């Protein structure tokens, strides 16, 4: 099944949220890989550190909704 960009973003956001709930911050090391459960059986490994870094560098072009979601879980934009 092909995943849309929106699906991929949502999956990475879920990983970021999981990291935040466990660690209490979003200072994710660049090389960090986060494992998340998808559905019943599947587990995925997401390159969360790189994703967080990319979101930060794209802050100006992120939709306001996505920016707010990330801010709500402790994203530091600078």
PDB file of N, CA and C in Angstrom:
ATOM      1  N   UNK A   1       0.845  -1.200   0.000  1.00  0.00           N
ATOM      2  CA  UNK A   1       0.000   0.000   0.000  1.00  0.00           C
ATOM      3  C   UNK A   1       0.883   1.254   0.000  1.00  0.00           C
ATOM      4  N   UNK A   2       0.639   2.138  -0.926  1.00  0.00           N
ATOM      5  CA  UNK A   2       1.409   3.378  -0.994  1.00  0.00           C
ATOM      6  C   UNK A   2       0.924   4.343   0.085  1.00  0.00           C
ATOM      7  N   UNK A   3       1.866   4.993   0.700  1.00  0.00           N
ATOM      8  CA  UNK A   3       1.510   5.991   1.709  1.00  0.00           C
ATOM      9  C   UNK A   3       1.645   7.385   1.111  1.00  0.00           C
ATOM     10  N   UNK A   4       0.690   8.230   1.423  1.00  0.00           N
ATOM     11  CA  UNK A   4       0.766   9.608   0.950  1.00  0.00           C
ATOM     12  C   UNK A   4       1.741  10.385   1.833  1.00  0.00           C
ATOM     13  N   UNK A   5       2.113  11.576   1.382  1.00  0.00           N
ATOM     14  CA  UNK A   5       2.972  12.433   2.198  1.00  0.00           C
ATOM     15  C   UNK A   5       2.290  12.735   3.529  1.00  0.00           C
ATOM     16  N   UNK A   6       0.982  12.929   3.501  1.00  0.00           N
ATOM     17  CA  UNK A   6       0.232  13.214   4.728  1.00  0.00           C
ATOM     18  C   UNK A   6       0.299  12.028   5.686  1.00  0.00           C
ATOM     19  N   UNK A   7       0.198  10.803   5.154  1.00  0.00           N
ATOM     20  CA  UNK A   7       0.302   9.592   5.981  1.00  0.00           C
ATOM     21  C   UNK A   7       1.684   9.516   6.630  1.00  0.00           C
ATOM     22  N   UNK A   8       2.707   9.787   5.821  1.00  0.00           N
ATOM     23  CA  UNK A   8       4.083   9.724   6.331  1.00  0.00           C
ATOM     24  C   UNK A   8       4.297  10.770   7.417  1.00  0.00           C
ATOM     25  N   UNK A   9       3.756  11.968   7.197  1.00  0.00           N
ATOM     26  CA  UNK A   9       3.907  13.025   8.189  1.00  0.00           C
ATOM     27  C   UNK A   9       3.225  12.595   9.486  1.00  0.00           C
ATOM     28  N   UNK A  10       2.023  12.056   9.363  1.00  0.00           N
ATOM     29  CA  UNK A  10       1.264  11.628  10.544  1.00  0.00           C
ATOM     30  C   UNK A  10       2.006  10.538  11.309  1.00  0.00           C
ATOM     31  N   UNK A  11       2.626   9.626  10.592  1.00  0.00           N
ATOM     32  CA  UNK A  11       3.390   8.546  11.217  1.00  0.00           C
ATOM     33  C   UNK A  11       4.590   9.111  11.978  1.00  0.00           C
ATOM     34  N   UNK A  12       5.302  10.028  11.356  1.00  0.00           N
ATOM     35  CA  UNK A  12       6.448  10.650  12.018  1.00  0.00           C
ATOM     36  C   UNK A  12       6.009  11.488  13.212  1.00  0.00           C
ATOM     37  N   UNK A  13       4.872  12.157  13.075  1.00  0.00           N
ATOM     38  CA  UNK A  13       4.349  12.939  14.199  1.00  0.00           C
ATOM     39  C   UNK A  13       4.027  12.005  15.369  1.00  0.00           C
ATOM     40  N   UNK A  14       3.436  10.855  15.061  1.00  0.00           N
ATOM     41  CA  UNK A  14       3.108   9.861  16.090  1.00  0.00           C
ATOM     42  C   UNK A  14       4.389   9.413  16.812  1.00  0.00           C
ATOM     43  N   UNK A  15       5.454   9.220  16.045  1.00  0.00           N
ATOM     44  CA  UNK A  15       6.740   8.830  16.627  1.00  0.00           C
ATOM     45  C   UNK A  15       7.290   9.952  17.514  1.00  0.00           C
ATOM     46  N   UNK A  16       7.143  11.197  17.046  1.00  0.00           N
ATOM     47  CA  UNK A  16       7.616  12.347  17.823  1.00  0.00           C
ATOM     48  C   UNK A  16       6.855  12.456  19.141  1.00  0.00           C
ATOM     49  N   UNK A  17       5.549  12.225  19.062  1.00  0.00           N
ATOM     50  CA  UNK A  17       4.705  12.302  20.245  1.00  0.00           C
ATOM     51  C   UNK A  17       5.096  11.212  21.245  1.00  0.00           C
ATOM     52  N   UNK A  18       5.343  10.026  20.732  1.00  0.00           N
ATOM     53  CA  UNK A  18       5.766   8.900  21.571  1.00  0.00           C
ATOM     54  C   UNK A  18       7.095   9.233  22.266  1.00  0.00           C
ATOM     55  N   UNK A  19       8.042   9.788  21.506  1.00  0.00           N
ATOM     56  CA  UNK A  19       9.343  10.179  22.052  1.00  0.00           C
ATOM     57  C   UNK A  19       9.149  11.221  23.157  1.00  0.00           C
ATOM     58  N   UNK A  20       8.318  12.223  22.864  1.00  0.00           N
ATOM     59  CA  UNK A  20       8.070  13.302  23.831  1.00  0.00           C
ATOM     60  C   UNK A  20       7.444  12.765  25.120  1.00  0.00           C
ATOM     61  N   UNK A  21       6.468  11.867  24.976  1.00  0.00           N
ATOM     62  CA  UNK A  21       5.794  11.318  26.155  1.00  0.00           C
ATOM     63  C   UNK A  21       6.757  10.491  27.004  1.00  0.00           C
ATOM     64  N   UNK A  22       7.704   9.835  26.357  1.00  0.00           N
ATOM     65  CA  UNK A  22       8.680   9.011  27.075  1.00  0.00           C
ATOM     66  C   UNK A  22       9.813   9.856  27.671  1.00  0.00           C
ATOM     67  N   UNK A  23      10.329  10.809  26.890  1.00  0.00           N
ATOM     68  CA  UNK A  23      11.534  11.558  27.288  1.00  0.00           C
ATOM     69  C   UNK A  23      11.241  12.920  27.920  1.00  0.00           C
ATOM     70  N   UNK A  24      10.052  13.461  27.647  1.00  0.00           N
ATOM     71  CA  UNK A  24       9.689  14.759  28.221  1.00  0.00           C
ATOM     72  C   UNK A  24      10.224  15.960  27.449  1.00  0.00           C
ATOM     73  N   UNK A  25      10.789  15.709  26.262  1.00  0.00           N
ATOM     74  CA  UNK A  25      11.307  16.797  25.428  1.00  0.00           C
ATOM     75  C   UNK A  25      11.386  16.301  23.989  1.00  0.00           C
ATOM     76  N   UNK A  26      11.679  17.232  23.070  1.00  0.00           N
ATOM     77  CA  UNK A  26      11.854  16.846  21.662  1.00  0.00           C
ATOM     78  C   UNK A  26      13.262  17.167  21.169  1.00  0.00           C
ATOM     79  N   UNK A  27      14.229  17.125  22.065  1.00  0.00           N
ATOM     80  CA  UNK A  27      15.629  17.314  21.638  1.00  0.00           C
ATOM     81  C   UNK A  27      16.141  15.959  21.140  1.00  0.00           C
ATOM     82  N   UNK A  28      15.682  15.601  19.977  1.00  0.00           N
ATOM     83  CA  UNK A  28      15.971  14.275  19.411  1.00  0.00           C
ATOM     84  C   UNK A  28      17.333  14.304  18.725  1.00  0.00           C
ATOM     85  N   UNK A  29      18.234  13.393  19.105  1.00  0.00           N
ATOM     86  CA  UNK A  29      19.524  13.343  18.400  1.00  0.00           C
ATOM     87  C   UNK A  29      19.307  13.100  16.908  1.00  0.00           C
ATOM     88  N   UNK A  30      20.099  13.755  16.074  1.00  0.00           N
ATOM     89  CA  UNK A  30      19.929  13.689  14.613  1.00  0.00           C
ATOM     90  C   UNK A  30      19.833  12.254  14.088  1.00  0.00           C
ATOM     91  N   UNK A  31      20.613  11.341  14.657  1.00  0.00           N
ATOM     92  CA  UNK A  31      20.637   9.972  14.136  1.00  0.00           C
ATOM     93  C   UNK A  31      19.630   9.037  14.818  1.00  0.00           C
ATOM     94  N   UNK A  32      18.813   9.579  15.702  1.00  0.00           N
ATOM     95  CA  UNK A  32      17.875   8.734  16.463  1.00  0.00           C
ATOM     96  C   UNK A  32      16.831   8.071  15.565  1.00  0.00           C
ATOM     97  N   UNK A  33      16.614   6.785  15.813  1.00  0.00           N
ATOM     98  CA  UNK A  33      15.562   6.028  15.128  1.00  0.00           C
ATOM     99  C   UNK A  33      14.530   5.631  16.177  1.00  0.00           C
ATOM    100  N   UNK A  34      13.278   5.957  15.924  1.00  0.00           N
ATOM    101  CA  UNK A  34      12.184   5.646  16.852  1.00  0.00           C
ATOM    102  C   UNK A  34      11.362   4.497  16.283  1.00  0.00           C
ATOM    103  N   UNK A  35      11.092   3.498  17.117  1.00  0.00           N
ATOM    104  CA  UNK A  35      10.228   2.380  16.707  1.00  0.00           C
ATOM    105  C   UNK A  35       8.805   2.685  17.133  1.00  0.00           C
ATOM    106  N   UNK A  36       7.875   2.532  16.205  1.00  0.00           N
ATOM    107  CA  UNK A  36       6.470   2.702  16.582  1.00  0.00           C
ATOM    108  C   UNK A  36       5.644   1.548  16.034  1.00  0.00           C
ATOM    109  N   UNK A  37       4.588   1.219  16.769  1.00  0.00           N
ATOM    110  CA  UNK A  37       3.666   0.168  16.339  1.00  0.00           C
ATOM    111  C   UNK A  37       2.680   0.779  15.356  1.00  0.00           C
ATOM    112  N   UNK A  38       2.470   0.070  14.241  1.00  0.00           N
ATOM    113  CA  UNK A  38       1.517   0.512  13.228  1.00  0.00           C
ATOM    114  C   UNK A  38       0.510  -0.611  13.055  1.00  0.00           C
ATOM    115  N   UNK A  39      -0.740  -0.329  13.361  1.00  0.00           N
ATOM    116  CA  UNK A  39      -1.740  -1.386  13.248  1.00  0.00           C
ATOM    117  C   UNK A  39      -1.513  -2.456  14.299  1.00  0.00           C
ATOM    118  N   UNK A  40      -1.947  -3.665  14.018  1.00  0.00           N
ATOM    119  CA  UNK A  40      -1.885  -4.748  15.001  1.00  0.00           C
ATOM    120  C   UNK A  40      -0.511  -5.409  15.072  1.00  0.00           C
ATOM    121  N   UNK A  41       0.055  -5.720  13.924  1.00  0.00           N
ATOM    122  CA  UNK A  41       1.258  -6.540  13.879  1.00  0.00           C
ATOM    123  C   UNK A  41       2.521  -5.744  13.599  1.00  0.00           C
ATOM    124  N   UNK A  42       2.403  -4.768  12.714  1.00  0.00           N
ATOM    125  CA  UNK A  42       3.568  -4.134  12.131  1.00  0.00           C
ATOM    126  C   UNK A  42       4.260  -3.156  13.080  1.00  0.00           C
ATOM    127  N   UNK A  43       5.582  -3.173  13.043  1.00  0.00           N
ATOM    128  CA  UNK A  43       6.356  -2.166  13.756  1.00  0.00           C
ATOM    129  C   UNK A  43       7.246  -1.474  12.739  1.00  0.00           C
ATOM    130  N   UNK A  44       7.343  -0.162  12.836  1.00  0.00           N
ATOM    131  CA  UNK A  44       8.152   0.593  11.881  1.00  0.00           C
ATOM    132  C   UNK A  44       9.283   1.289  12.623  1.00  0.00           C
ATOM    133  N   UNK A  45      10.385   1.462  11.921  1.00  0.00           N
ATOM    134  CA  UNK A  45      11.488   2.263  12.443  1.00  0.00           C
ATOM    135  C   UNK A  45      11.537   3.549  11.637  1.00  0.00           C
ATOM    136  N   UNK A  46      11.419   4.659  12.336  1.00  0.00           N
ATOM    137  CA  UNK A  46      11.406   5.954  11.656  1.00  0.00           C
ATOM    138  C   UNK A  46      12.622   6.767  12.067  1.00  0.00           C
ATOM    139  N   UNK A  47      13.220   7.438  11.101  1.00  0.00           N
ATOM    140  CA  UNK A  47      14.394   8.276  11.361  1.00  0.00           C
ATOM    141  C   UNK A  47      13.917   9.609  11.934  1.00  0.00           C
ATOM    142  N   UNK A  48      13.542   9.538  13.202  1.00  0.00           N
ATOM    143  CA  UNK A  48      12.893  10.678  13.859  1.00  0.00           C
ATOM    144  C   UNK A  48      13.812  11.887  13.986  1.00  0.00           C
ATOM    145  N   UNK A  49      15.074  11.668  14.303  1.00  0.00           N
ATOM    146  CA  UNK A  49      15.997  12.789  14.461  1.00  0.00           C
ATOM    147  C   UNK A  49      16.086  13.629  13.197  1.00  0.00           C
ATOM    148  N   UNK A  50      16.236  12.959  12.068  1.00  0.00           N
ATOM    149  CA  UNK A  50      16.323  13.651  10.779  1.00  0.00           C
ATOM    150  C   UNK A  50      14.997  14.364  10.475  1.00  0.00           C
ATOM    151  N   UNK A  51      13.878  13.697  10.772  1.00  0.00           N
ATOM    152  CA  UNK A  51      12.563  14.283  10.503  1.00  0.00           C
ATOM    153  C   UNK A  51      12.350  15.566  11.311  1.00  0.00           C
ATOM    154  N   UNK A  52      12.678  15.504  12.604  1.00  0.00           N
ATOM    155  CA  UNK A  52      12.533  16.687  13.468  1.00  0.00           C
ATOM    156  C   UNK A  52      13.368  17.840  12.915  1.00  0.00           C
ATOM    157  N   UNK A  53      14.597  17.528  12.545  1.00  0.00           N
ATOM    158  CA  UNK A  53      15.499  18.535  11.986  1.00  0.00           C
ATOM    159  C   UNK A  53      14.900  19.148  10.714  1.00  0.00           C
ATOM    160  N   UNK A  54      14.325  18.300   9.868  1.00  0.00           N
ATOM    161  CA  UNK A  54      13.700  18.781   8.630  1.00  0.00           C
ATOM    162  C   UNK A  54      12.493  19.673   8.914  1.00  0.00           C
ATOM    163  N   UNK A  55      11.684  19.299   9.896  1.00  0.00           N
ATOM    164  CA  UNK A  55      10.515  20.122  10.231  1.00  0.00           C
ATOM    165  C   UNK A  55      10.974  21.497  10.681  1.00  0.00           C
ATOM    166  N   UNK A  56      12.041  21.506  11.493  1.00  0.00           N
ATOM    167  CA  UNK A  56      12.582  22.765  11.999  1.00  0.00           C
ATOM    168  C   UNK A  56      13.048  23.655  10.843  1.00  0.00           C
ATOM    169  N   UNK A  57      13.747  23.033   9.885  1.00  0.00           N
ATOM    170  CA  UNK A  57      14.278  23.841   8.780  1.00  0.00           C
ATOM    171  C   UNK A  57      13.174  24.281   7.822  1.00  0.00           C
ATOM    172  N   UNK A  58      12.032  23.596   7.850  1.00  0.00           N
ATOM    173  CA  UNK A  58      10.901  23.970   6.986  1.00  0.00           C
ATOM    174  C   UNK A  58       9.829  24.747   7.738  1.00  0.00           C
ATOM    175  N   UNK A  59      10.157  25.240   8.917  1.00  0.00           N
ATOM    176  CA  UNK A  59       9.152  25.902   9.769  1.00  0.00           C
ATOM    177  C   UNK A  59       8.348  26.950   9.009  1.00  0.00           C
ATOM    178  N   UNK A  60       9.010  27.691   8.138  1.00  0.00           N
ATOM    179  CA  UNK A  60       8.333  28.784   7.420  1.00  0.00           C
ATOM    180  C   UNK A  60       7.281  28.266   6.442  1.00  0.00           C
ATOM    181  N   UNK A  61       7.445  27.042   5.959  1.00  0.00           N
ATOM    182  CA  UNK A  61       6.510  26.519   4.962  1.00  0.00           C
ATOM    183  C   UNK A  61       5.553  25.466   5.525  1.00  0.00           C
ATOM    184  N   UNK A  62       5.715  25.111   6.797  1.00  0.00           N
ATOM    185  CA  UNK A  62       4.789  24.147   7.419  1.00  0.00           C
ATOM    186  C   UNK A  62       3.405  24.769   7.520  1.00  0.00           C
ATOM    187  N   UNK A  63       2.377  23.947   7.406  1.00  0.00           N
ATOM    188  CA  UNK A  63       1.028  24.474   7.613  1.00  0.00           C
ATOM    189  C   UNK A  63       0.884  24.876   9.079  1.00  0.00           C
ATOM    190  N   UNK A  64       0.048  25.877   9.345  1.00  0.00           N
ATOM    191  CA  UNK A  64      -0.150  26.302  10.738  1.00  0.00           C
ATOM    192  C   UNK A  64      -0.587  25.145  11.636  1.00  0.00           C
ATOM    193  N   UNK A  65      -1.425  24.240  11.099  1.00  0.00           N
ATOM    194  CA  UNK A  65      -1.903  23.098  11.884  1.00  0.00           C
ATOM    195  C   UNK A  65      -0.734  22.221  12.321  1.00  0.00           C
ATOM    196  N   UNK A  66       0.150  21.934  11.386  1.00  0.00           N
ATOM    197  CA  UNK A  66       1.296  21.077  11.712  1.00  0.00           C
ATOM    198  C   UNK A  66       2.230  21.764  12.690  1.00  0.00           C
ATOM    199  N   UNK A  67       2.431  23.049  12.488  1.00  0.00           N
ATOM    200  CA  UNK A  67       3.259  23.816  13.418  1.00  0.00           C
ATOM    201  C   UNK A  67       2.705  23.771  14.832  1.00  0.00           C
ATOM    202  N   UNK A  68       1.384  23.923  14.939  1.00  0.00           N
ATOM    203  CA  UNK A  68       0.732  23.905  16.253  1.00  0.00           C
ATOM    204  C   UNK A  68       0.830  22.526  16.888  1.00  0.00           C
ATOM    205  N   UNK A  69       0.649  21.473  16.091  1.00  0.00           N
ATOM    206  CA  UNK A  69       0.763  20.115  16.625  1.00  0.00           C
ATOM    207  C   UNK A  69       2.146  19.881  17.219  1.00  0.00           C
ATOM    208  N   UNK A  70       3.171  20.305  16.484  1.00  0.00           N
ATOM    209  CA  UNK A  70       4.539  20.121  16.957  1.00  0.00           C
ATOM    210  C   UNK A  70       4.831  20.995  18.181  1.00  0.00           C
ATOM    211  N   UNK A  71       4.359  22.232  18.164  1.00  0.00           N
ATOM    212  CA  UNK A  71       4.573  23.126  19.306  1.00  0.00           C
ATOM    213  C   UNK A  71       3.940  22.549  20.561  1.00  0.00           C
ATOM    214  N   UNK A  72       2.787  21.906  20.396  1.00  0.00           N
ATOM    215  CA  UNK A  72       2.047  21.354  21.531  1.00  0.00           C
ATOM    216  C   UNK A  72       2.813  20.225  22.232  1.00  0.00           C
ATOM    217  N   UNK A  73       3.728  19.581  21.524  1.00  0.00           N
ATOM    218  CA  UNK A  73       4.511  18.521  22.150  1.00  0.00           C
ATOM    219  C   UNK A  73       5.967  18.956  22.379  1.00  0.00           C
ATOM    220  N   UNK A  74       6.163  20.248  22.497  1.00  0.00           N
ATOM    221  CA  UNK A  74       7.465  20.728  22.934  1.00  0.00           C
ATOM    222  C   UNK A  74       8.501  21.005  21.854  1.00  0.00           C
ATOM    223  N   UNK A  75       8.064  21.166  20.620  1.00  0.00           N
ATOM    224  CA  UNK A  75       9.021  21.485  19.558  1.00  0.00           C
ATOM    225  C   UNK A  75       9.670  22.822  19.835  1.00  0.00           C
ATOM    226  N   UNK A  76      11.006  22.870  19.734  1.00  0.00           N
ATOM    227  CA  UNK A  76      11.725  24.125  19.827  1.00  0.00           C
ATOM    228  C   UNK A  76      12.160  24.491  18.437  1.00  0.00           C
ATOM    229  N   UNK A  77      11.737  25.663  17.982  1.00  0.00           N
ATOM    230  CA  UNK A  77      11.915  26.023  16.565  1.00  0.00           C
ATOM    231  C   UNK A  77      13.251  26.650  16.254  1.00  0.00           C
ATOM    232  N   UNK A  78      13.987  27.044  17.264  1.00  0.00           N
ATOM    233  CA  UNK A  78      15.277  27.683  16.990  1.00  0.00           C
ATOM    234  C   UNK A  78      16.428  26.847  17.544  1.00  0.00           C
TER     235      UNK A  78
END
